[in-house]
Amino acid sequence: MTVCLLWPIGHRNTAGEDGAPLHRDGDTVHLDERDGDDAKLLGVCSTPEKAAERRRLARLLPGFREEPDCFVIDAHTLDEDEWPGGFTRVPDRD
């Protein structure tokens, strides 16, 4: 079974022009938590259509409506390992 996680991204990074927040890299929503961006899990939906509808409703709410194009919908399969090979820590920036 696949579920869709809905993530709104609040941007506080300084990666854009003149240190302004960068919201998107082309078609991809930019996310750099080390630079202050904030990802919140808004919901877990059973279909992409339900996630899109939840996103539509969230865009009307305070906080979410300020960045209406900064939502990510990720599909995940239940009971499937998302990190089968482990991970490597990236050193903090100086």
C-alpha atoms as a PDB file:
ATOM      1  CA  MET A   1       0.000   0.000   0.000  1.00  0.00           C
ATOM      2  CA  THR A   2       1.250   3.456  -0.900  1.00  0.00           C
ATOM      3  CA  VAL A   3       0.493   6.594   1.117  1.00  0.00           C
ATOM      4  CA  CYS A   4       1.191  10.229   0.258  1.00  0.00           C
ATOM      5  CA  LEU A   5       2.874  12.501   2.792  1.00  0.00           C
ATOM      6  CA  LEU A   6       2.074  16.204   2.480  1.00  0.00           C
ATOM      7  CA  TRP A   7       4.868  18.582   3.508  1.00  0.00           C
ATOM      8  CA  PRO A   8       4.540  22.373   3.459  1.00  0.00           C
ATOM      9  CA  ILE A   9       7.958  24.044   3.449  1.00  0.00           C
ATOM     10  CA  GLY A  10       8.475  27.354   5.263  1.00  0.00           C
ATOM     11  CA  HIS A  11      11.500  29.157   3.856  1.00  0.00           C
ATOM     12  CA  ARG A  12      14.004  31.094   5.946  1.00  0.00           C
ATOM     13  CA  ASN A  13      17.118  30.219   3.926  1.00  0.00           C
ATOM     14  CA  THR A  14      19.423  32.823   2.429  1.00  0.00           C
ATOM     15  CA  ALA A  15      20.203  30.978  -0.815  1.00  0.00           C
ATOM     16  CA  GLY A  16      18.401  33.334  -3.209  1.00  0.00           C
ATOM     17  CA  GLU A  17      19.510  36.565  -4.822  1.00  0.00           C
ATOM     18  CA  ASP A  18      20.916  39.083  -2.334  1.00  0.00           C
ATOM     19  CA  GLY A  19      20.316  36.625   0.527  1.00  0.00           C
ATOM     20  CA  ALA A  20      16.556  36.384  -0.077  1.00  0.00           C
ATOM     21  CA  PRO A  21      14.863  33.025   0.575  1.00  0.00           C
ATOM     22  CA  LEU A  22      15.020  30.578  -2.315  1.00  0.00           C
ATOM     23  CA  HIS A  23      11.635  28.863  -2.689  1.00  0.00           C
ATOM     24  CA  ARG A  24      12.084  26.676  -5.761  1.00  0.00           C
ATOM     25  CA  ASP A  25      14.900  25.207  -7.843  1.00  0.00           C
ATOM     26  CA  GLY A  26      13.088  24.869 -11.166  1.00  0.00           C
ATOM     27  CA  ASP A  27      10.214  22.439 -10.575  1.00  0.00           C
ATOM     28  CA  THR A  28      11.564  21.304  -7.194  1.00  0.00           C
ATOM     29  CA  VAL A  29      10.720  22.956  -3.871  1.00  0.00           C
ATOM     30  CA  HIS A  30      13.977  24.063  -2.227  1.00  0.00           C
ATOM     31  CA  LEU A  31      14.608  22.756   1.306  1.00  0.00           C
ATOM     32  CA  ASP A  32      17.675  23.419   3.440  1.00  0.00           C
ATOM     33  CA  GLU A  33      16.899  22.864   7.119  1.00  0.00           C
ATOM     34  CA  ARG A  34      20.482  23.815   8.054  1.00  0.00           C
ATOM     35  CA  ASP A  35      19.800  27.246   6.533  1.00  0.00           C
ATOM     36  CA  GLY A  36      16.534  27.733   8.467  1.00  0.00           C
ATOM     37  CA  ASP A  37      13.881  26.153   6.253  1.00  0.00           C
ATOM     38  CA  ASP A  38      11.083  24.371   8.107  1.00  0.00           C
ATOM     39  CA  ALA A  39       9.319  21.240   6.817  1.00  0.00           C
ATOM     40  CA  LYS A  40       6.126  20.271   8.620  1.00  0.00           C
ATOM     41  CA  LEU A  41       4.271  17.005   8.104  1.00  0.00           C
ATOM     42  CA  LEU A  42       0.763  18.242   7.374  1.00  0.00           C
ATOM     43  CA  GLY A  43      -0.840  14.903   6.669  1.00  0.00           C
ATOM     44  CA  VAL A  44      -0.670  11.334   5.452  1.00  0.00           C
ATOM     45  CA  CYS A  45      -3.187  10.685   2.683  1.00  0.00           C
ATOM     46  CA  SER A  46      -4.290   7.497   0.982  1.00  0.00           C
ATOM     47  CA  THR A  47      -4.086   8.869  -2.587  1.00  0.00           C
ATOM     48  CA  PRO A  48      -2.308  11.656  -4.476  1.00  0.00           C
ATOM     49  CA  GLU A  49      -5.716  13.191  -5.180  1.00  0.00           C
ATOM     50  CA  LYS A  50      -6.568  13.399  -1.467  1.00  0.00           C
ATOM     51  CA  ALA A  51      -3.159  14.939  -0.762  1.00  0.00           C
ATOM     52  CA  ALA A  52      -3.735  17.516  -3.513  1.00  0.00           C
ATOM     53  CA  GLU A  53      -7.141  18.376  -2.026  1.00  0.00           C
ATOM     54  CA  ARG A  54      -5.616  18.754   1.456  1.00  0.00           C
ATOM     55  CA  ARG A  55      -2.950  21.021  -0.061  1.00  0.00           C
ATOM     56  CA  ARG A  56      -5.665  23.112  -1.741  1.00  0.00           C
ATOM     57  CA  LEU A  57      -7.406  23.615   1.612  1.00  0.00           C
ATOM     58  CA  ALA A  58      -4.161  24.333   3.482  1.00  0.00           C
ATOM     59  CA  ARG A  59      -3.298  27.094   1.013  1.00  0.00           C
ATOM     60  CA  LEU A  60      -6.228  29.049   2.472  1.00  0.00           C
ATOM     61  CA  LEU A  61      -4.850  28.956   6.034  1.00  0.00           C
ATOM     62  CA  PRO A  62      -2.518  31.424   7.795  1.00  0.00           C
ATOM     63  CA  GLY A  63       1.132  30.468   7.473  1.00  0.00           C
ATOM     64  CA  PHE A  64       0.509  28.067   4.596  1.00  0.00           C
ATOM     65  CA  ARG A  65      -1.055  30.681   2.311  1.00  0.00           C
ATOM     66  CA  GLU A  66       2.118  32.806   2.440  1.00  0.00           C
ATOM     67  CA  GLU A  67       3.954  30.128   0.414  1.00  0.00           C
ATOM     68  CA  PRO A  68       1.223  28.447  -1.658  1.00  0.00           C
ATOM     69  CA  ASP A  69       3.652  26.876  -4.132  1.00  0.00           C
ATOM     70  CA  CYS A  70       5.945  25.376  -1.487  1.00  0.00           C
ATOM     71  CA  PHE A  71       4.271  22.050  -0.786  1.00  0.00           C
ATOM     72  CA  VAL A  72       5.765  18.619  -1.428  1.00  0.00           C
ATOM     73  CA  ILE A  73       3.714  15.445  -1.847  1.00  0.00           C
ATOM     74  CA  ASP A  74       5.857  12.316  -1.374  1.00  0.00           C
ATOM     75  CA  ALA A  75       4.562   8.816  -2.073  1.00  0.00           C
ATOM     76  CA  HIS A  76       5.835   6.085   0.270  1.00  0.00           C
ATOM     77  CA  THR A  77       5.136   2.365   0.383  1.00  0.00           C
ATOM     78  CA  LEU A  78       4.149   1.056   3.806  1.00  0.00           C
ATOM     79  CA  ASP A  79       6.519  -1.447   5.407  1.00  0.00           C
ATOM     80  CA  GLU A  80       9.296  -0.571   2.924  1.00  0.00           C
ATOM     81  CA  ASP A  81      12.687   0.539   4.228  1.00  0.00           C
ATOM     82  CA  GLU A  82      13.490   4.092   3.073  1.00  0.00           C
ATOM     83  CA  TRP A  83      17.177   3.891   4.106  1.00  0.00           C
ATOM     84  CA  PRO A  84      18.293   0.368   3.119  1.00  0.00           C
ATOM     85  CA  GLY A  85      21.947   1.358   2.761  1.00  0.00           C
ATOM     86  CA  GLY A  86      22.219   3.575   5.838  1.00  0.00           C
ATOM     87  CA  PHE A  87      23.428   7.175   5.574  1.00  0.00           C
ATOM     88  CA  THR A  88      26.453   9.419   5.961  1.00  0.00           C
ATOM     89  CA  ARG A  89      26.430  12.555   8.093  1.00  0.00           C
ATOM     90  CA  VAL A  90      27.329  15.785   6.344  1.00  0.00           C
ATOM     91  CA  PRO A  91      29.500  18.063   8.508  1.00  0.00           C
ATOM     92  CA  ASP A  92      27.908  21.301   9.692  1.00  0.00           C
ATOM     93  CA  ARG A  93      28.772  24.424   7.751  1.00  0.00           C
ATOM     94  CA  ASP A  94      31.144  26.851   9.374  1.00  0.00           C
END
